N, C-alpha and C. Protein backbone atom coordinates (compact mmCIF):
# COMPACT_ATOMS: atom_id res chain seq x y z
N UNK A 1 24.90 51.57 166.46
CA UNK A 1 25.50 52.33 167.55
C UNK A 1 25.05 53.78 167.46
N UNK A 2 25.18 54.42 168.58
CA UNK A 2 24.79 55.81 168.66
C UNK A 2 25.88 56.70 168.06
N UNK A 3 25.48 57.72 167.30
CA UNK A 3 26.44 58.61 166.63
C UNK A 3 27.26 59.41 167.64
N UNK A 4 26.64 59.87 168.70
CA UNK A 4 27.37 60.63 169.72
C UNK A 4 28.43 59.76 170.38
N UNK A 5 28.11 58.53 170.63
CA UNK A 5 29.07 57.62 171.24
C UNK A 5 30.26 57.40 170.31
N UNK A 6 29.99 57.23 169.01
CA UNK A 6 31.08 57.02 168.06
C UNK A 6 31.98 58.25 167.96
N UNK A 7 31.39 59.45 168.02
CA UNK A 7 32.19 60.67 167.96
C UNK A 7 33.02 60.86 169.24
N UNK A 8 32.51 60.40 170.34
CA UNK A 8 33.26 60.55 171.60
C UNK A 8 34.53 59.70 171.59
N UNK A 9 34.58 58.65 170.78
CA UNK A 9 35.75 57.80 170.70
C UNK A 9 36.88 58.42 169.86
N UNK A 10 36.55 59.42 169.02
CA UNK A 10 37.54 60.05 168.14
C UNK A 10 38.38 61.07 168.89
N UNK A 11 39.61 61.32 168.40
CA UNK A 11 40.42 62.39 169.01
C UNK A 11 39.79 63.76 168.72
N UNK A 12 40.06 64.77 169.55
CA UNK A 12 39.40 66.08 169.43
C UNK A 12 39.66 66.79 168.08
N UNK A 13 40.87 66.66 167.50
CA UNK A 13 41.17 67.33 166.24
C UNK A 13 40.30 66.75 165.11
N UNK A 14 40.18 65.45 165.08
CA UNK A 14 39.37 64.80 164.06
C UNK A 14 37.88 65.08 164.29
N UNK A 15 37.50 65.17 165.53
CA UNK A 15 36.11 65.47 165.86
C UNK A 15 35.74 66.87 165.37
N UNK A 16 36.62 67.85 165.53
CA UNK A 16 36.38 69.22 165.05
C UNK A 16 36.26 69.24 163.53
N UNK A 17 37.12 68.49 162.88
CA UNK A 17 37.10 68.45 161.42
C UNK A 17 35.80 67.83 160.90
N UNK A 18 35.34 66.77 161.55
CA UNK A 18 34.11 66.11 161.13
C UNK A 18 32.87 66.95 161.42
N UNK A 19 32.89 67.71 162.50
CA UNK A 19 31.73 68.48 162.91
C UNK A 19 31.73 69.90 162.34
N UNK A 20 32.68 70.22 161.50
CA UNK A 20 32.78 71.57 160.96
C UNK A 20 31.58 71.87 160.07
N UNK A 21 31.03 73.05 160.22
CA UNK A 21 29.87 73.48 159.43
C UNK A 21 30.35 74.13 158.14
N UNK A 22 29.77 73.73 157.04
CA UNK A 22 30.10 74.32 155.75
C UNK A 22 28.88 75.07 155.23
N UNK A 23 29.15 76.20 154.61
CA UNK A 23 28.07 77.00 154.06
C UNK A 23 27.75 76.50 152.65
N UNK A 24 26.48 76.16 152.42
CA UNK A 24 26.04 75.66 151.13
C UNK A 24 25.58 76.85 150.29
N UNK A 25 26.07 76.96 149.05
CA UNK A 25 25.66 78.10 148.22
C UNK A 25 24.17 78.02 147.87
N UNK A 26 23.52 79.17 147.89
CA UNK A 26 22.11 79.27 147.58
C UNK A 26 21.94 80.02 146.25
N UNK A 27 20.84 79.80 145.58
CA UNK A 27 20.49 80.51 144.34
C UNK A 27 21.60 80.41 143.29
N UNK A 28 22.06 79.23 143.01
CA UNK A 28 23.16 79.08 142.06
C UNK A 28 22.68 79.22 140.62
N UNK A 29 21.36 79.20 140.40
CA UNK A 29 20.84 79.36 139.04
C UNK A 29 20.63 80.83 138.67
N UNK A 30 20.72 81.74 139.63
CA UNK A 30 20.52 83.16 139.37
C UNK A 30 21.86 83.77 138.96
N UNK A 31 21.84 84.48 137.82
CA UNK A 31 23.07 85.11 137.34
C UNK A 31 23.38 86.35 138.17
N UNK A 32 24.67 86.66 138.28
CA UNK A 32 25.10 87.83 139.05
C UNK A 32 24.83 89.10 138.28
N UNK A 33 24.40 90.12 139.01
CA UNK A 33 24.21 91.45 138.42
C UNK A 33 25.56 92.15 138.45
N UNK A 34 26.13 92.37 137.27
CA UNK A 34 27.48 92.91 137.19
C UNK A 34 27.46 94.39 136.85
N UNK A 35 26.69 94.75 135.84
CA UNK A 35 26.66 96.14 135.38
C UNK A 35 25.34 96.75 135.81
N UNK A 36 25.32 97.36 136.99
CA UNK A 36 24.09 97.92 137.52
C UNK A 36 23.08 96.81 137.76
N UNK A 37 21.84 96.97 137.25
CA UNK A 37 20.84 95.93 137.44
C UNK A 37 20.87 94.86 136.35
N UNK A 38 21.89 94.87 135.49
CA UNK A 38 21.96 93.96 134.36
C UNK A 38 23.01 92.87 134.57
N UNK A 39 22.71 91.70 134.05
CA UNK A 39 23.71 90.64 134.03
C UNK A 39 24.62 90.87 132.84
N UNK A 40 25.67 90.07 132.72
CA UNK A 40 26.61 90.25 131.61
C UNK A 40 25.91 90.01 130.28
N UNK A 41 25.09 88.96 130.17
CA UNK A 41 24.38 88.68 128.93
C UNK A 41 23.44 89.81 128.55
N UNK A 42 22.68 90.31 129.54
CA UNK A 42 21.76 91.40 129.26
C UNK A 42 22.51 92.64 128.80
N UNK A 43 23.63 92.94 129.45
CA UNK A 43 24.41 94.12 129.07
C UNK A 43 24.96 93.97 127.66
N UNK A 44 25.40 92.77 127.28
CA UNK A 44 25.91 92.54 125.93
C UNK A 44 24.81 92.76 124.90
N UNK A 45 23.62 92.25 125.15
CA UNK A 45 22.52 92.43 124.21
C UNK A 45 22.10 93.89 124.10
N UNK A 46 22.03 94.59 125.22
CA UNK A 46 21.65 96.01 125.19
C UNK A 46 22.71 96.83 124.48
N UNK A 47 23.99 96.61 124.81
CA UNK A 47 25.06 97.36 124.15
C UNK A 47 25.16 97.01 122.66
N UNK A 48 24.93 95.76 122.31
CA UNK A 48 24.91 95.37 120.91
C UNK A 48 23.80 96.07 120.15
N UNK A 49 22.62 96.18 120.77
CA UNK A 49 21.50 96.89 120.15
C UNK A 49 21.81 98.36 119.97
N UNK A 50 22.44 98.97 120.98
CA UNK A 50 22.82 100.39 120.87
C UNK A 50 23.83 100.59 119.76
N UNK A 51 24.80 99.69 119.65
CA UNK A 51 25.81 99.81 118.59
C UNK A 51 25.18 99.64 117.20
N UNK A 52 24.26 98.70 117.06
CA UNK A 52 23.59 98.52 115.77
C UNK A 52 22.72 99.73 115.42
N UNK A 53 22.09 100.32 116.40
CA UNK A 53 21.30 101.53 116.14
C UNK A 53 22.21 102.68 115.73
N UNK A 54 23.37 102.81 116.38
CA UNK A 54 24.32 103.86 116.00
C UNK A 54 24.83 103.63 114.58
N UNK A 55 25.09 102.39 114.22
CA UNK A 55 25.53 102.08 112.86
C UNK A 55 24.42 102.39 111.85
N UNK A 56 23.18 102.05 112.19
CA UNK A 56 22.06 102.34 111.30
C UNK A 56 21.86 103.83 111.13
N UNK A 57 22.17 104.61 112.16
CA UNK A 57 22.04 106.07 112.08
C UNK A 57 22.97 106.65 111.03
N UNK A 58 24.16 106.07 110.92
CA UNK A 58 25.12 106.59 109.94
C UNK A 58 24.83 106.08 108.53
N UNK A 59 24.17 104.94 108.40
CA UNK A 59 23.95 104.34 107.10
C UNK A 59 22.64 104.80 106.45
N UNK A 60 21.57 104.87 107.21
CA UNK A 60 20.25 105.12 106.64
C UNK A 60 19.82 106.58 106.81
N UNK A 61 18.94 107.01 105.91
CA UNK A 61 18.35 108.35 106.03
C UNK A 61 17.31 108.30 107.15
N UNK A 62 16.96 109.46 107.72
CA UNK A 62 16.03 109.45 108.87
C UNK A 62 14.69 108.76 108.60
N UNK A 63 14.20 108.82 107.38
CA UNK A 63 12.92 108.18 107.07
C UNK A 63 13.01 106.66 107.26
N UNK A 64 14.12 106.05 106.91
CA UNK A 64 14.31 104.62 107.08
C UNK A 64 14.91 104.26 108.44
N UNK A 65 15.65 105.21 109.02
CA UNK A 65 16.35 104.94 110.26
C UNK A 65 15.40 104.62 111.42
N UNK A 66 14.34 105.41 111.58
CA UNK A 66 13.48 105.25 112.75
C UNK A 66 12.76 103.90 112.79
N UNK A 67 12.20 103.42 111.69
CA UNK A 67 11.60 102.07 111.78
C UNK A 67 12.64 100.98 112.02
N UNK A 68 13.81 101.12 111.39
CA UNK A 68 14.88 100.13 111.58
C UNK A 68 15.38 100.16 113.03
N UNK A 69 15.53 101.35 113.58
CA UNK A 69 15.98 101.48 114.97
C UNK A 69 14.96 100.88 115.92
N UNK A 70 13.67 101.06 115.63
CA UNK A 70 12.63 100.50 116.47
C UNK A 70 12.68 98.97 116.46
N UNK A 71 12.89 98.38 115.30
CA UNK A 71 12.99 96.93 115.20
C UNK A 71 14.23 96.42 115.93
N UNK A 72 15.36 97.09 115.74
CA UNK A 72 16.60 96.68 116.41
C UNK A 72 16.43 96.77 117.93
N UNK A 73 15.82 97.86 118.41
CA UNK A 73 15.62 98.03 119.86
C UNK A 73 14.69 96.94 120.41
N UNK A 74 13.64 96.60 119.66
CA UNK A 74 12.71 95.57 120.13
C UNK A 74 13.41 94.21 120.20
N UNK A 75 14.20 93.89 119.19
CA UNK A 75 14.91 92.60 119.19
C UNK A 75 15.94 92.55 120.32
N UNK A 76 16.68 93.65 120.50
CA UNK A 76 17.69 93.68 121.57
C UNK A 76 17.03 93.57 122.95
N UNK A 77 15.91 94.25 123.14
CA UNK A 77 15.20 94.17 124.43
C UNK A 77 14.65 92.76 124.66
N UNK A 78 14.12 92.14 123.62
CA UNK A 78 13.60 90.78 123.76
C UNK A 78 14.73 89.82 124.09
N UNK A 79 15.85 89.95 123.40
CA UNK A 79 16.99 89.07 123.66
C UNK A 79 17.52 89.26 125.08
N UNK A 80 17.45 90.48 125.59
CA UNK A 80 18.01 90.75 126.91
C UNK A 80 17.05 90.39 128.04
N UNK A 81 15.75 90.66 127.87
CA UNK A 81 14.86 90.59 129.03
C UNK A 81 13.70 89.59 128.90
N UNK A 82 13.34 89.16 127.71
CA UNK A 82 12.15 88.33 127.53
C UNK A 82 12.41 86.87 127.90
N UNK A 83 11.48 86.31 128.69
CA UNK A 83 11.50 84.88 129.02
C UNK A 83 10.10 84.35 128.74
N UNK A 84 10.04 83.23 128.03
CA UNK A 84 8.77 82.58 127.75
C UNK A 84 8.77 81.25 128.46
N UNK A 85 7.93 81.13 129.47
CA UNK A 85 7.89 79.90 130.26
C UNK A 85 9.21 79.64 130.98
N UNK A 86 9.81 80.65 131.54
CA UNK A 86 11.10 80.57 132.23
C UNK A 86 12.25 80.13 131.33
N UNK A 87 12.06 80.25 130.02
CA UNK A 87 13.14 79.95 129.07
C UNK A 87 13.54 81.26 128.42
N UNK A 88 14.81 81.65 128.50
CA UNK A 88 15.23 82.91 127.89
C UNK A 88 15.01 82.92 126.38
N UNK A 89 14.69 84.10 125.85
CA UNK A 89 14.40 84.25 124.43
C UNK A 89 15.57 83.83 123.54
N UNK A 90 16.84 84.12 123.89
CA UNK A 90 17.93 83.63 123.04
C UNK A 90 17.96 82.10 122.92
N UNK A 91 17.59 81.40 123.98
CA UNK A 91 17.53 79.94 123.92
C UNK A 91 16.43 79.48 122.97
N UNK A 92 15.29 80.16 123.00
CA UNK A 92 14.19 79.83 122.09
C UNK A 92 14.60 80.08 120.65
N UNK A 93 15.28 81.19 120.39
CA UNK A 93 15.74 81.50 119.03
C UNK A 93 16.75 80.46 118.57
N UNK A 94 17.69 80.09 119.44
CA UNK A 94 18.69 79.08 119.10
C UNK A 94 18.03 77.73 118.80
N UNK A 95 17.09 77.30 119.65
CA UNK A 95 16.41 76.04 119.44
C UNK A 95 15.58 76.06 118.15
N UNK A 96 14.94 77.17 117.85
CA UNK A 96 14.19 77.29 116.61
C UNK A 96 15.10 77.22 115.40
N UNK A 97 16.28 77.85 115.48
CA UNK A 97 17.24 77.81 114.38
C UNK A 97 17.72 76.39 114.14
N UNK A 98 18.09 75.68 115.21
CA UNK A 98 18.59 74.31 115.06
C UNK A 98 17.49 73.38 114.57
N UNK A 99 16.26 73.60 115.01
CA UNK A 99 15.15 72.77 114.56
C UNK A 99 14.93 72.95 113.06
N UNK A 100 15.03 74.18 112.58
CA UNK A 100 14.78 74.42 111.16
C UNK A 100 15.96 73.99 110.29
N UNK A 101 17.16 73.94 110.82
CA UNK A 101 18.33 73.62 110.01
C UNK A 101 18.64 72.12 109.96
N UNK A 102 18.29 71.37 111.00
CA UNK A 102 18.60 69.95 111.02
C UNK A 102 17.52 69.15 110.31
N UNK A 103 17.90 68.04 109.69
CA UNK A 103 16.89 67.22 109.01
C UNK A 103 15.99 66.52 110.02
N UNK A 104 14.76 66.31 109.61
CA UNK A 104 13.79 65.66 110.48
C UNK A 104 13.59 64.24 109.97
N UNK A 105 13.65 63.30 110.88
CA UNK A 105 13.44 61.90 110.53
C UNK A 105 12.22 61.42 111.30
N UNK A 106 11.18 61.04 110.57
CA UNK A 106 9.97 60.52 111.18
C UNK A 106 9.91 59.03 110.89
N UNK A 107 9.86 58.23 111.93
CA UNK A 107 9.88 56.78 111.78
C UNK A 107 8.58 56.24 112.36
N UNK A 108 7.94 55.36 111.62
CA UNK A 108 6.76 54.70 112.11
C UNK A 108 6.82 53.24 111.72
N UNK A 109 6.03 52.46 112.41
CA UNK A 109 6.01 51.03 112.14
C UNK A 109 4.98 50.80 111.03
N UNK A 110 5.45 50.35 109.90
CA UNK A 110 4.58 50.13 108.76
C UNK A 110 3.92 48.76 108.90
N UNK A 111 2.59 48.73 108.80
CA UNK A 111 1.86 47.48 108.91
C UNK A 111 1.47 47.00 107.52
N UNK A 112 1.55 45.70 107.32
CA UNK A 112 1.16 45.13 106.04
C UNK A 112 -0.35 45.01 105.99
N UNK A 113 -0.90 45.30 104.81
CA UNK A 113 -2.34 45.21 104.61
C UNK A 113 -2.75 43.74 104.49
N UNK A 114 -3.86 43.39 105.12
CA UNK A 114 -4.36 42.03 105.06
C UNK A 114 -5.31 41.93 103.86
N UNK A 115 -5.04 41.00 102.98
CA UNK A 115 -5.89 40.81 101.81
C UNK A 115 -7.08 39.96 102.22
N UNK A 116 -8.28 40.39 101.77
CA UNK A 116 -9.48 39.63 102.08
C UNK A 116 -10.13 39.17 100.79
N UNK A 117 -10.84 38.08 100.88
CA UNK A 117 -11.51 37.51 99.71
C UNK A 117 -12.66 38.43 99.28
N UNK A 118 -13.08 38.38 98.00
CA UNK A 118 -14.17 39.25 97.53
C UNK A 118 -15.48 39.06 98.28
N UNK A 119 -15.84 37.82 98.65
CA UNK A 119 -17.09 37.60 99.39
C UNK A 119 -17.02 38.24 100.77
N UNK A 120 -15.86 38.12 101.41
CA UNK A 120 -15.67 38.74 102.72
C UNK A 120 -15.73 40.26 102.61
N UNK A 121 -15.24 40.79 101.51
CA UNK A 121 -15.24 42.24 101.33
C UNK A 121 -16.66 42.76 101.21
N UNK A 122 -17.52 42.02 100.47
CA UNK A 122 -18.91 42.47 100.33
C UNK A 122 -19.64 42.34 101.65
N UNK A 123 -19.43 41.23 102.36
CA UNK A 123 -20.11 41.03 103.63
C UNK A 123 -19.59 41.98 104.69
N UNK A 124 -18.32 42.32 104.63
CA UNK A 124 -17.72 43.19 105.63
C UNK A 124 -17.90 44.67 105.33
N UNK A 125 -18.60 45.00 104.25
CA UNK A 125 -18.77 46.40 103.86
C UNK A 125 -19.90 47.02 104.68
N UNK A 126 -19.55 47.54 105.82
CA UNK A 126 -20.52 48.21 106.67
C UNK A 126 -19.95 49.55 107.09
N UNK A 127 -20.79 50.51 107.07
CA UNK A 127 -20.40 51.84 107.49
C UNK A 127 -21.01 52.11 108.84
N UNK A 128 -20.18 52.49 109.78
CA UNK A 128 -20.70 52.80 111.10
C UNK A 128 -20.57 54.29 111.34
N UNK A 129 -21.58 54.82 111.97
CA UNK A 129 -21.57 56.24 112.33
C UNK A 129 -21.10 56.31 113.76
N UNK A 130 -19.85 56.77 113.95
CA UNK A 130 -19.30 56.77 115.30
C UNK A 130 -19.65 58.04 116.06
N UNK A 131 -19.71 59.15 115.37
CA UNK A 131 -20.01 60.40 116.04
C UNK A 131 -20.79 61.29 115.08
N UNK A 132 -21.73 62.00 115.62
CA UNK A 132 -22.50 62.90 114.79
C UNK A 132 -22.01 64.32 115.04
N UNK A 133 -21.93 65.13 114.00
CA UNK A 133 -21.46 66.49 114.20
C UNK A 133 -22.53 67.33 114.91
N UNK A 134 -22.07 68.29 115.65
CA UNK A 134 -22.97 69.18 116.37
C UNK A 134 -23.39 70.30 115.41
N UNK A 135 -24.60 70.14 114.82
CA UNK A 135 -25.05 71.10 113.83
C UNK A 135 -26.02 72.12 114.40
N UNK A 136 -26.72 71.77 115.46
CA UNK A 136 -27.71 72.70 115.99
C UNK A 136 -27.48 72.95 117.46
N UNK A 137 -28.21 73.92 117.98
CA UNK A 137 -28.03 74.29 119.37
C UNK A 137 -28.91 73.45 120.29
N UNK A 138 -29.95 72.88 119.77
CA UNK A 138 -30.90 72.14 120.60
C UNK A 138 -30.53 70.66 120.65
N UNK A 139 -30.54 70.09 121.84
CA UNK A 139 -30.22 68.67 121.98
C UNK A 139 -31.32 67.80 121.38
N UNK A 140 -32.55 68.29 121.43
CA UNK A 140 -33.65 67.52 120.88
C UNK A 140 -33.53 67.38 119.37
N UNK A 141 -33.16 68.46 118.70
CA UNK A 141 -32.99 68.39 117.24
C UNK A 141 -31.76 67.55 116.89
N UNK A 142 -30.72 67.59 117.72
CA UNK A 142 -29.56 66.72 117.49
C UNK A 142 -29.95 65.25 117.58
N UNK A 143 -30.77 64.93 118.57
CA UNK A 143 -31.23 63.56 118.74
C UNK A 143 -32.09 63.13 117.55
N UNK A 144 -32.97 64.02 117.11
CA UNK A 144 -33.82 63.70 115.96
C UNK A 144 -32.97 63.50 114.71
N UNK A 145 -31.97 64.34 114.54
CA UNK A 145 -31.09 64.24 113.37
C UNK A 145 -30.34 62.91 113.39
N UNK A 146 -29.80 62.52 114.56
CA UNK A 146 -29.05 61.27 114.64
C UNK A 146 -29.96 60.07 114.41
N UNK A 147 -31.19 60.11 114.92
CA UNK A 147 -32.13 59.01 114.68
C UNK A 147 -32.49 58.92 113.21
N UNK A 148 -32.65 60.06 112.55
CA UNK A 148 -32.95 60.09 111.12
C UNK A 148 -31.81 59.46 110.33
N UNK A 149 -30.58 59.78 110.69
CA UNK A 149 -29.41 59.22 110.00
C UNK A 149 -29.37 57.71 110.20
N UNK A 150 -29.58 57.26 111.44
CA UNK A 150 -29.54 55.82 111.72
C UNK A 150 -30.66 55.10 110.97
N UNK A 151 -31.85 55.75 110.88
CA UNK A 151 -32.96 55.15 110.16
C UNK A 151 -32.64 55.01 108.68
N UNK A 152 -32.05 56.04 108.09
CA UNK A 152 -31.66 55.97 106.68
C UNK A 152 -30.58 54.92 106.47
N UNK A 153 -29.68 54.80 107.42
CA UNK A 153 -28.62 53.80 107.34
C UNK A 153 -29.21 52.39 107.36
N UNK A 154 -30.19 52.17 108.24
CA UNK A 154 -30.84 50.85 108.32
C UNK A 154 -31.59 50.53 107.02
N UNK A 155 -32.26 51.55 106.47
CA UNK A 155 -32.98 51.35 105.21
C UNK A 155 -32.03 50.95 104.10
N UNK A 156 -30.86 51.62 104.03
CA UNK A 156 -29.89 51.28 102.99
C UNK A 156 -29.33 49.87 103.21
N UNK A 157 -29.15 49.46 104.46
CA UNK A 157 -28.69 48.10 104.74
C UNK A 157 -29.74 47.07 104.34
N UNK A 158 -31.01 47.37 104.62
CA UNK A 158 -32.08 46.47 104.25
C UNK A 158 -32.15 46.30 102.75
N UNK A 159 -32.00 47.39 102.01
CA UNK A 159 -32.03 47.33 100.55
C UNK A 159 -30.88 46.47 100.03
N UNK A 160 -29.68 46.64 100.63
CA UNK A 160 -28.52 45.86 100.20
C UNK A 160 -28.74 44.36 100.45
N UNK A 161 -29.28 44.02 101.61
CA UNK A 161 -29.50 42.60 101.92
C UNK A 161 -30.60 42.01 101.05
N UNK A 162 -31.64 42.81 100.76
CA UNK A 162 -32.70 42.27 99.89
C UNK A 162 -32.18 42.08 98.46
N UNK A 163 -31.29 42.96 98.01
CA UNK A 163 -30.71 42.79 96.67
C UNK A 163 -29.79 41.58 96.62
N UNK A 164 -29.11 41.31 97.71
CA UNK A 164 -28.23 40.15 97.74
C UNK A 164 -29.02 38.84 97.76
N UNK A 165 -30.21 38.86 98.33
CA UNK A 165 -31.02 37.66 98.39
C UNK A 165 -31.59 37.30 97.02
N UNK A 166 -31.89 38.30 96.20
CA UNK A 166 -32.50 38.03 94.88
C UNK A 166 -31.50 37.96 93.85
């Protein structure tokens, strides 16, 4: 059935209620700016850094105070404003702390080794060269090097088979 036809069958009060427009909130992931251009979290980190610097001023002599104050200011600024890959720095610090404190369990499927007979072991003893390292800049010398390796490999195989025959 048609929606307009169904609405026309309803009483006017119910029709108004059903057709009422509601405003959907936008940008719900953005934090509110409460203290000037700062959010509450940013303001807490900045004020905490200022308080720690003031405490360090009373505790340390000026020679030690300035480097300590610089480190405190850098950490407070990073905690307040730094985002790495859209992840806030405090979240990264928290995740790093939990990762280092919790035990790590690595589970793998252990496969049993297949025992082979001694004759099969000798016959199955072959070394394959799957990839050659890039030692030179020239492709021609790389090709010559790989052919030389394969030639030496064939010679060693021939020697092994001739020794097995005698």
